[in-house]
Amino acid sequence: MKLQKSIRELQRLQKDFDLNHEGDEPFYQEINDKNIEALEHLIVCIVGEIGEFSNIVKKIKRGDFKYSEKSSELSEELADTFIYLIKIANQMNIDLETIFLDKLDKNKTRFKHYKK
């Protein structure tokens, strides 16, 4: 049985993976004013993964496949999207867990139809 991990722990695991990845290009760079192209690259990557996810949904909608036939592939594409979201947060020094909870609190007061 796999242990549940917090978002903070998932961010740490991804950062460790990225820092230990070897390749021609750095897999991890802290984003700053001098390397905004690194953020731009990550945005292209996350949008590409959303595109792959969307393309599968499009094909299900038009009848090429059933959802049940592609749900595992959709899960993989969603995981890829989440990985890039974590990479962006890490490289921008953003604690996703904290900002999510802060934003959720704001949304609870912002949306009038929220029931406690």
N, C-alpha and C. Protein backbone atom coordinates (compact mmCIF):
# COMPACT_ATOMS: atom_id res chain seq x y z
N MET A 1 0.84 -1.18 0.00
CA MET A 1 0.00 0.00 0.00
C MET A 1 0.88 1.25 0.00
N LYS A 2 0.58 2.18 -0.91
CA LYS A 2 1.35 3.41 -0.99
C LYS A 2 0.91 4.39 0.09
N LEU A 3 1.88 5.08 0.66
CA LEU A 3 1.57 6.10 1.65
C LEU A 3 1.11 7.38 0.96
N GLN A 4 0.14 8.04 1.54
CA GLN A 4 -0.32 9.31 1.02
C GLN A 4 0.75 10.37 1.28
N LYS A 5 0.92 11.28 0.36
CA LYS A 5 1.91 12.33 0.49
C LYS A 5 1.22 13.69 0.40
N SER A 6 1.76 14.65 1.13
CA SER A 6 1.25 16.01 1.03
C SER A 6 1.75 16.63 -0.27
N ILE A 7 1.14 17.71 -0.66
CA ILE A 7 1.60 18.42 -1.85
C ILE A 7 3.04 18.89 -1.64
N ARG A 8 3.33 19.34 -0.44
CA ARG A 8 4.70 19.79 -0.13
C ARG A 8 5.70 18.66 -0.33
N GLU A 9 5.33 17.46 0.09
CA GLU A 9 6.21 16.30 -0.08
C GLU A 9 6.36 15.94 -1.56
N LEU A 10 5.27 16.04 -2.32
CA LEU A 10 5.35 15.77 -3.75
C LEU A 10 6.27 16.78 -4.43
N GLN A 11 6.20 18.04 -3.99
CA GLN A 11 7.10 19.05 -4.55
C GLN A 11 8.56 18.68 -4.24
N ARG A 12 8.83 18.22 -3.04
CA ARG A 12 10.19 17.85 -2.66
C ARG A 12 10.67 16.67 -3.50
N LEU A 13 9.82 15.67 -3.68
CA LEU A 13 10.19 14.50 -4.48
C LEU A 13 10.50 14.90 -5.93
N GLN A 14 9.68 15.77 -6.50
CA GLN A 14 9.91 16.21 -7.87
C GLN A 14 11.20 17.02 -7.97
N LYS A 15 11.45 17.89 -6.99
CA LYS A 15 12.68 18.69 -7.01
C LYS A 15 13.90 17.78 -6.92
N ASP A 16 13.86 16.79 -6.05
CA ASP A 16 14.97 15.84 -5.94
C ASP A 16 15.20 15.12 -7.27
N PHE A 17 14.12 14.70 -7.90
CA PHE A 17 14.22 14.03 -9.21
C PHE A 17 14.86 14.98 -10.22
N ASP A 18 14.36 16.20 -10.29
CA ASP A 18 14.86 17.16 -11.28
C ASP A 18 16.32 17.50 -11.05
N LEU A 19 16.72 17.68 -9.80
CA LEU A 19 18.11 18.04 -9.50
C LEU A 19 19.08 16.90 -9.82
N ASN A 20 18.58 15.67 -9.81
CA ASN A 20 19.44 14.51 -10.08
C ASN A 20 19.33 13.99 -11.50
N HIS A 21 18.55 14.66 -12.33
CA HIS A 21 18.40 14.26 -13.73
C HIS A 21 19.59 14.78 -14.52
N GLU A 22 20.15 13.91 -15.34
CA GLU A 22 21.28 14.33 -16.16
C GLU A 22 20.85 14.44 -17.61
N GLY A 23 21.28 15.50 -18.25
CA GLY A 23 20.96 15.70 -19.66
C GLY A 23 21.71 16.90 -20.20
N ASP A 24 21.45 17.22 -21.45
CA ASP A 24 22.13 18.35 -22.09
C ASP A 24 21.68 19.69 -21.52
N GLU A 25 20.44 19.77 -21.15
CA GLU A 25 19.86 21.00 -20.59
C GLU A 25 19.57 20.79 -19.11
N PRO A 26 19.68 21.84 -18.31
CA PRO A 26 19.33 21.67 -16.88
C PRO A 26 17.85 21.32 -16.73
N PHE A 27 17.55 20.39 -15.86
CA PHE A 27 16.18 19.96 -15.62
C PHE A 27 15.54 20.80 -14.52
N TYR A 28 16.35 21.57 -13.82
CA TYR A 28 15.85 22.43 -12.75
C TYR A 28 16.64 23.73 -12.75
N GLN A 29 15.92 24.84 -12.82
CA GLN A 29 16.53 26.17 -12.70
C GLN A 29 15.57 27.04 -11.91
N GLU A 30 16.06 27.73 -10.91
CA GLU A 30 15.20 28.69 -10.23
C GLU A 30 14.92 29.83 -11.21
N ILE A 31 13.65 30.20 -11.30
CA ILE A 31 13.24 31.25 -12.22
C ILE A 31 13.57 32.61 -11.62
N ASN A 32 14.14 33.48 -12.47
CA ASN A 32 14.43 34.84 -12.04
C ASN A 32 14.33 35.77 -13.25
N ASP A 33 14.67 37.03 -13.05
CA ASP A 33 14.56 38.01 -14.15
C ASP A 33 15.46 37.69 -15.33
N LYS A 34 16.52 36.93 -15.10
CA LYS A 34 17.50 36.69 -16.15
C LYS A 34 17.26 35.41 -16.96
N ASN A 35 16.32 34.57 -16.52
CA ASN A 35 16.09 33.32 -17.26
C ASN A 35 14.60 33.03 -17.44
N ILE A 36 13.83 34.05 -17.75
CA ILE A 36 12.39 33.88 -17.92
C ILE A 36 12.06 32.87 -19.01
N GLU A 37 13.02 32.63 -19.90
CA GLU A 37 12.80 31.63 -20.96
C GLU A 37 12.65 30.23 -20.36
N ALA A 38 13.21 29.98 -19.19
CA ALA A 38 13.02 28.69 -18.52
C ALA A 38 11.55 28.52 -18.11
N LEU A 39 10.93 29.58 -17.63
CA LEU A 39 9.50 29.54 -17.30
C LEU A 39 8.67 29.39 -18.56
N GLU A 40 9.05 30.11 -19.59
CA GLU A 40 8.35 30.01 -20.87
C GLU A 40 8.36 28.56 -21.38
N HIS A 41 9.50 27.91 -21.27
CA HIS A 41 9.62 26.51 -21.70
C HIS A 41 8.67 25.61 -20.90
N LEU A 42 8.62 25.81 -19.58
CA LEU A 42 7.74 24.99 -18.74
C LEU A 42 6.27 25.23 -19.07
N ILE A 43 5.93 26.47 -19.42
CA ILE A 43 4.55 26.78 -19.81
C ILE A 43 4.19 26.04 -21.10
N VAL A 44 5.10 26.05 -22.06
CA VAL A 44 4.87 25.31 -23.30
C VAL A 44 4.68 23.83 -23.00
N CYS A 45 5.47 23.30 -22.09
CA CYS A 45 5.37 21.88 -21.72
C CYS A 45 4.02 21.56 -21.08
N ILE A 46 3.57 22.38 -20.13
CA ILE A 46 2.31 22.08 -19.44
C ILE A 46 1.12 22.23 -20.40
N VAL A 47 1.19 23.23 -21.28
CA VAL A 47 0.12 23.40 -22.27
C VAL A 47 0.11 22.22 -23.24
N GLY A 48 1.29 21.72 -23.59
CA GLY A 48 1.36 20.54 -24.46
C GLY A 48 0.69 19.33 -23.82
N GLU A 49 0.92 19.14 -22.52
CA GLU A 49 0.29 18.01 -21.83
C GLU A 49 -1.22 18.17 -21.75
N ILE A 50 -1.68 19.39 -21.49
CA ILE A 50 -3.13 19.65 -21.49
C ILE A 50 -3.70 19.40 -22.88
N GLY A 51 -2.92 19.75 -23.90
CA GLY A 51 -3.34 19.49 -25.28
C GLY A 51 -3.51 18.00 -25.55
N GLU A 52 -2.56 17.20 -25.06
CA GLU A 52 -2.66 15.76 -25.25
C GLU A 52 -3.89 15.20 -24.52
N PHE A 53 -4.13 15.68 -23.32
CA PHE A 53 -5.31 15.28 -22.55
C PHE A 53 -6.59 15.66 -23.33
N SER A 54 -6.62 16.90 -23.81
CA SER A 54 -7.79 17.41 -24.54
C SER A 54 -8.03 16.62 -25.82
N ASN A 55 -6.97 16.25 -26.51
CA ASN A 55 -7.12 15.51 -27.75
C ASN A 55 -7.77 14.15 -27.52
N ILE A 56 -7.41 13.51 -26.43
CA ILE A 56 -8.03 12.23 -26.10
C ILE A 56 -9.52 12.43 -25.81
N VAL A 57 -9.85 13.48 -25.04
CA VAL A 57 -11.25 13.77 -24.73
C VAL A 57 -12.03 14.05 -26.01
N LYS A 58 -11.42 14.81 -26.92
CA LYS A 58 -12.06 15.11 -28.21
C LYS A 58 -12.41 13.82 -28.95
N LYS A 59 -11.47 12.89 -28.96
CA LYS A 59 -11.68 11.63 -29.68
C LYS A 59 -12.75 10.77 -29.00
N ILE A 60 -12.83 10.85 -27.69
CA ILE A 60 -13.89 10.14 -26.96
C ILE A 60 -15.24 10.77 -27.31
N LYS A 61 -15.29 12.09 -27.30
CA LYS A 61 -16.55 12.82 -27.57
C LYS A 61 -17.07 12.52 -28.97
N ARG A 62 -16.17 12.45 -29.95
CA ARG A 62 -16.64 12.21 -31.32
C ARG A 62 -16.91 10.74 -31.60
N GLY A 63 -16.61 9.86 -30.62
CA GLY A 63 -16.99 8.46 -30.74
C GLY A 63 -15.89 7.52 -31.18
N ASP A 64 -14.66 8.00 -31.29
CA ASP A 64 -13.56 7.12 -31.69
C ASP A 64 -13.27 6.07 -30.62
N PHE A 65 -13.45 6.45 -29.37
CA PHE A 65 -13.16 5.56 -28.24
C PHE A 65 -14.22 5.77 -27.17
N LYS A 66 -14.31 4.81 -26.28
CA LYS A 66 -15.14 4.97 -25.08
C LYS A 66 -14.25 5.52 -23.97
N TYR A 67 -14.85 6.25 -23.06
CA TYR A 67 -14.10 6.78 -21.92
C TYR A 67 -13.37 5.67 -21.19
N SER A 68 -14.07 4.54 -20.99
CA SER A 68 -13.48 3.42 -20.26
C SER A 68 -12.23 2.87 -20.95
N GLU A 69 -12.14 3.03 -22.26
CA GLU A 69 -10.96 2.57 -22.99
C GLU A 69 -9.77 3.50 -22.84
N LYS A 70 -10.02 4.75 -22.52
CA LYS A 70 -8.96 5.75 -22.50
C LYS A 70 -8.73 6.38 -21.14
N SER A 71 -9.47 5.93 -20.11
CA SER A 71 -9.34 6.59 -18.80
C SER A 71 -7.93 6.48 -18.23
N SER A 72 -7.26 5.35 -18.47
CA SER A 72 -5.90 5.21 -17.95
C SER A 72 -4.93 6.13 -18.69
N GLU A 73 -5.13 6.30 -19.98
CA GLU A 73 -4.30 7.23 -20.76
C GLU A 73 -4.56 8.68 -20.32
N LEU A 74 -5.82 9.00 -20.04
CA LEU A 74 -6.16 10.33 -19.52
C LEU A 74 -5.47 10.57 -18.18
N SER A 75 -5.45 9.55 -17.34
CA SER A 75 -4.78 9.67 -16.04
C SER A 75 -3.30 9.98 -16.22
N GLU A 76 -2.65 9.32 -17.16
CA GLU A 76 -1.23 9.55 -17.43
C GLU A 76 -0.99 10.99 -17.88
N GLU A 77 -1.83 11.48 -18.79
CA GLU A 77 -1.66 12.85 -19.28
C GLU A 77 -1.91 13.87 -18.16
N LEU A 78 -2.87 13.58 -17.31
CA LEU A 78 -3.14 14.47 -16.18
C LEU A 78 -1.96 14.46 -15.20
N ALA A 79 -1.37 13.30 -14.99
CA ALA A 79 -0.18 13.22 -14.14
C ALA A 79 0.97 14.02 -14.74
N ASP A 80 1.15 13.95 -16.06
CA ASP A 80 2.19 14.74 -16.72
C ASP A 80 1.95 16.24 -16.51
N THR A 81 0.69 16.65 -16.61
CA THR A 81 0.33 18.04 -16.39
C THR A 81 0.65 18.46 -14.97
N PHE A 82 0.32 17.61 -14.01
CA PHE A 82 0.59 17.88 -12.60
C PHE A 82 2.09 17.99 -12.34
N ILE A 83 2.86 17.13 -12.99
CA ILE A 83 4.32 17.19 -12.83
C ILE A 83 4.84 18.55 -13.28
N TYR A 84 4.36 19.03 -14.42
CA TYR A 84 4.83 20.35 -14.88
C TYR A 84 4.35 21.47 -13.97
N LEU A 85 3.15 21.35 -13.41
CA LEU A 85 2.68 22.34 -12.45
C LEU A 85 3.61 22.37 -11.23
N ILE A 86 3.98 21.20 -10.75
CA ILE A 86 4.90 21.12 -9.61
C ILE A 86 6.26 21.69 -9.98
N LYS A 87 6.76 21.36 -11.18
CA LYS A 87 8.05 21.90 -11.61
C LYS A 87 8.02 23.42 -11.66
N ILE A 88 6.95 23.99 -12.20
CA ILE A 88 6.82 25.45 -12.27
C ILE A 88 6.83 26.04 -10.86
N ALA A 89 6.03 25.47 -9.98
CA ALA A 89 5.97 25.96 -8.59
C ALA A 89 7.34 25.87 -7.93
N ASN A 90 8.01 24.75 -8.09
CA ASN A 90 9.33 24.57 -7.49
C ASN A 90 10.32 25.61 -8.00
N GLN A 91 10.36 25.78 -9.30
CA GLN A 91 11.35 26.66 -9.89
C GLN A 91 11.03 28.13 -9.65
N MET A 92 9.79 28.42 -9.26
CA MET A 92 9.40 29.79 -8.88
C MET A 92 9.40 29.96 -7.36
N ASN A 93 9.80 28.92 -6.63
CA ASN A 93 9.81 28.93 -5.16
C ASN A 93 8.43 29.22 -4.58
N ILE A 94 7.44 28.51 -5.09
CA ILE A 94 6.06 28.65 -4.63
C ILE A 94 5.67 27.38 -3.87
N ASP A 95 5.13 27.56 -2.68
CA ASP A 95 4.62 26.45 -1.89
C ASP A 95 3.16 26.22 -2.31
N LEU A 96 2.94 25.24 -3.18
CA LEU A 96 1.60 24.98 -3.73
C LEU A 96 0.57 24.69 -2.65
N GLU A 97 0.97 23.96 -1.64
CA GLU A 97 0.03 23.58 -0.57
C GLU A 97 -0.51 24.84 0.12
N THR A 98 0.37 25.75 0.47
CA THR A 98 -0.03 26.98 1.15
C THR A 98 -0.88 27.87 0.25
N ILE A 99 -0.43 28.07 -0.99
CA ILE A 99 -1.20 28.98 -1.86
C ILE A 99 -2.55 28.38 -2.23
N PHE A 100 -2.63 27.04 -2.34
CA PHE A 100 -3.92 26.42 -2.60
C PHE A 100 -4.89 26.68 -1.46
N LEU A 101 -4.43 26.43 -0.23
CA LEU A 101 -5.31 26.63 0.93
C LEU A 101 -5.72 28.10 1.08
N ASP A 102 -4.79 29.00 0.84
CA ASP A 102 -5.12 30.44 0.89
C ASP A 102 -6.16 30.80 -0.17
N LYS A 103 -5.97 30.29 -1.37
CA LYS A 103 -6.90 30.59 -2.47
C LYS A 103 -8.27 29.96 -2.21
N LEU A 104 -8.29 28.77 -1.64
CA LEU A 104 -9.56 28.12 -1.31
C LEU A 104 -10.34 28.98 -0.31
N ASP A 105 -9.67 29.50 0.70
CA ASP A 105 -10.33 30.39 1.67
C ASP A 105 -10.89 31.63 0.99
N LYS A 106 -10.13 32.22 0.08
CA LYS A 106 -10.62 33.39 -0.66
C LYS A 106 -11.85 33.04 -1.49
N ASN A 107 -11.81 31.87 -2.14
CA ASN A 107 -12.94 31.46 -2.97
C ASN A 107 -14.19 31.19 -2.15
N LYS A 108 -14.01 30.70 -0.94
CA LYS A 108 -15.17 30.44 -0.07
C LYS A 108 -15.91 31.72 0.25
N THR A 109 -15.19 32.81 0.41
CA THR A 109 -15.85 34.09 0.68
C THR A 109 -16.30 34.77 -0.61
N ARG A 110 -15.63 34.50 -1.68
CA ARG A 110 -15.93 35.15 -2.98
C ARG A 110 -17.21 34.59 -3.60
N PHE A 111 -17.40 33.30 -3.54
CA PHE A 111 -18.55 32.69 -4.21
C PHE A 111 -19.71 32.57 -3.23
N LYS A 112 -20.77 33.24 -3.54
CA LYS A 112 -21.91 33.38 -2.63
C LYS A 112 -22.65 32.08 -2.38
N HIS A 113 -22.58 31.16 -3.28
CA HIS A 113 -23.36 29.93 -3.15
C HIS A 113 -22.60 28.80 -2.47
N TYR A 114 -21.45 29.10 -1.93
CA TYR A 114 -20.67 28.09 -1.20
C TYR A 114 -21.38 27.76 0.10
N LYS A 115 -21.63 26.48 0.34
CA LYS A 115 -22.27 26.04 1.59
C LYS A 115 -21.23 25.37 2.45
N LYS A 116 -21.15 25.77 3.70
CA LYS A 116 -20.17 25.20 4.64
C LYS A 116 -20.54 23.82 5.06
